[in-house]
Amino acid sequence: MYNTLPRIIPKYCRVGLFSSHLYSSRKISSNNGPITENFILTRLREKFPTAGNINVEDTSGGCGAMFNVVIESPEFHGLSVMKQHRKVYDALKDQIKQIHGIHLETKAPKL
């Protein structure tokens, strides 16, 4: 028997809604599809090689539209939260254009 409850999919993940935005003709990842956790993680490890902790979680149900990102890096010592976030945004500037939202948590390790 078919499930009569509608499947709940975030509106930004539905087919066609952001398709021109998520599936741009510009090369944004290795497969020209939506941005993935691994793609963002790899990019952040390249840009922050001294980071002790980088976690990326796709919170959009796997469609690559929303991410939670946590980075702990000594590069953030002495920087305001706004400047820390700017460094991350600069590292992901091409990918930021392709996703719906990102939640950042940045911190410097304790000395």
Protein backbone atom coordinates (compact mmCIF):
# COMPACT_ATOMS: atom_id res chain seq x y z
CA MET A 1 0.00 0.00 0.00
CA TYR A 2 1.26 3.49 -0.80
CA ASN A 3 2.03 5.90 2.00
CA THR A 4 -0.69 8.58 1.97
CA LEU A 5 1.37 11.16 3.87
CA PRO A 6 3.12 13.70 1.63
CA ARG A 7 6.87 13.51 1.55
CA ILE A 8 8.30 16.59 3.23
CA ILE A 9 11.01 18.17 1.10
CA PRO A 10 12.37 21.63 1.83
CA LYS A 11 11.08 24.07 -0.78
CA TYR A 12 14.60 24.96 -1.93
CA CYS A 13 15.25 21.28 -2.75
CA ARG A 14 12.23 20.70 -4.96
CA VAL A 15 12.92 19.97 -8.58
CA GLY A 16 12.95 23.08 -10.70
CA LEU A 17 12.74 25.70 -7.96
CA PHE A 18 16.42 26.56 -7.90
CA SER A 19 17.53 24.27 -10.69
CA SER A 20 19.16 27.06 -12.70
CA HIS A 21 20.98 28.15 -9.54
CA LEU A 22 22.03 24.74 -8.24
CA TYR A 23 22.80 23.16 -11.60
CA SER A 24 24.60 26.06 -13.21
CA SER A 25 26.61 25.54 -16.38
CA ARG A 26 29.67 26.87 -14.54
CA LYS A 27 31.98 24.21 -13.16
CA ILE A 28 31.40 24.28 -9.41
CA SER A 29 32.20 20.73 -8.43
CA SER A 30 33.72 17.64 -9.95
CA ASN A 31 30.37 16.44 -11.33
CA ASN A 32 28.60 19.76 -12.16
CA GLY A 33 25.80 18.72 -9.79
CA PRO A 34 24.86 20.20 -6.45
CA ILE A 35 27.55 21.08 -3.94
CA THR A 36 28.34 18.19 -1.57
CA GLU A 37 29.70 17.94 1.96
CA ASN A 38 32.91 16.35 0.64
CA PHE A 39 33.42 19.10 -1.93
CA ILE A 40 33.14 21.85 0.72
CA LEU A 41 35.28 19.87 3.18
CA THR A 42 38.03 19.40 0.57
CA ARG A 43 37.96 23.08 -0.38
CA LEU A 44 38.17 24.18 3.29
CA ARG A 45 41.05 21.78 4.00
CA GLU A 46 42.93 23.29 1.04
CA LYS A 47 42.31 26.85 2.24
CA PHE A 48 42.87 26.15 5.97
CA PRO A 49 45.62 23.48 6.06
CA THR A 50 46.44 24.14 9.74
CA ALA A 51 42.83 23.70 10.89
CA GLY A 52 42.53 21.11 13.62
CA ASN A 53 38.82 20.57 13.18
CA ILE A 54 36.57 21.04 10.13
CA ASN A 55 33.05 19.62 10.09
CA VAL A 56 30.57 20.03 7.24
CA GLU A 57 26.98 18.81 7.42
CA ASP A 58 24.35 19.04 4.66
CA THR A 59 21.18 20.01 6.53
CA SER A 60 18.98 20.14 3.43
CA GLY A 61 18.32 16.43 3.22
CA GLY A 62 21.12 15.73 0.77
CA CYS A 63 20.28 18.18 -2.02
CA GLY A 64 23.24 20.47 -1.28
CA ALA A 65 21.24 23.61 -0.53
CA MET A 66 22.03 24.26 3.17
CA PHE A 67 25.10 23.46 5.24
CA ASN A 68 26.37 23.71 8.80
CA VAL A 69 30.12 24.32 8.87
CA VAL A 70 32.37 24.28 11.97
CA ILE A 71 36.04 25.25 11.64
CA GLU A 72 38.67 25.49 14.37
CA SER A 73 41.87 27.01 13.01
CA PRO A 74 44.86 28.87 14.46
CA GLU A 75 44.48 31.29 11.53
CA PHE A 76 41.53 32.79 13.42
CA HIS A 77 43.61 33.91 16.46
CA GLY A 78 43.10 37.61 17.11
CA LEU A 79 40.37 38.00 14.48
CA SER A 80 36.81 39.09 15.20
CA VAL A 81 34.04 36.60 14.37
CA MET A 82 33.10 38.73 11.38
CA LYS A 83 36.67 38.54 9.98
CA GLN A 84 36.81 34.79 10.64
CA HIS A 85 33.58 34.30 8.72
CA ARG A 86 34.84 36.55 5.89
CA LYS A 87 37.88 34.26 5.49
CA VAL A 88 35.57 31.25 5.15
CA TYR A 89 33.26 33.06 2.72
CA ASP A 90 36.28 34.07 0.64
CA ALA A 91 37.46 30.45 0.58
CA LEU A 92 34.02 29.31 -0.62
CA LYS A 93 33.13 32.32 -2.78
CA ASP A 94 32.22 30.27 -5.87
CA GLN A 95 30.26 27.69 -3.87
CA ILE A 96 28.36 30.28 -1.79
CA LYS A 97 26.72 31.48 -5.01
CA GLN A 98 25.36 27.98 -5.61
CA ILE A 99 23.76 27.16 -2.26
CA HIS A 100 20.72 28.46 -0.42
CA GLY A 101 22.30 28.98 3.00
CA ILE A 102 25.25 28.28 5.25
CA HIS A 103 25.58 28.39 9.03
CA LEU A 104 29.16 29.02 10.19
CA GLU A 105 30.80 28.44 13.52
CA THR A 106 34.44 29.49 13.59
CA LYS A 107 36.88 29.50 16.48
CA ALA A 108 40.56 29.59 17.26
CA PRO A 109 42.02 26.77 19.36
CA LYS A 110 42.95 27.66 22.93
CA LEU A 111 46.64 28.29 23.45
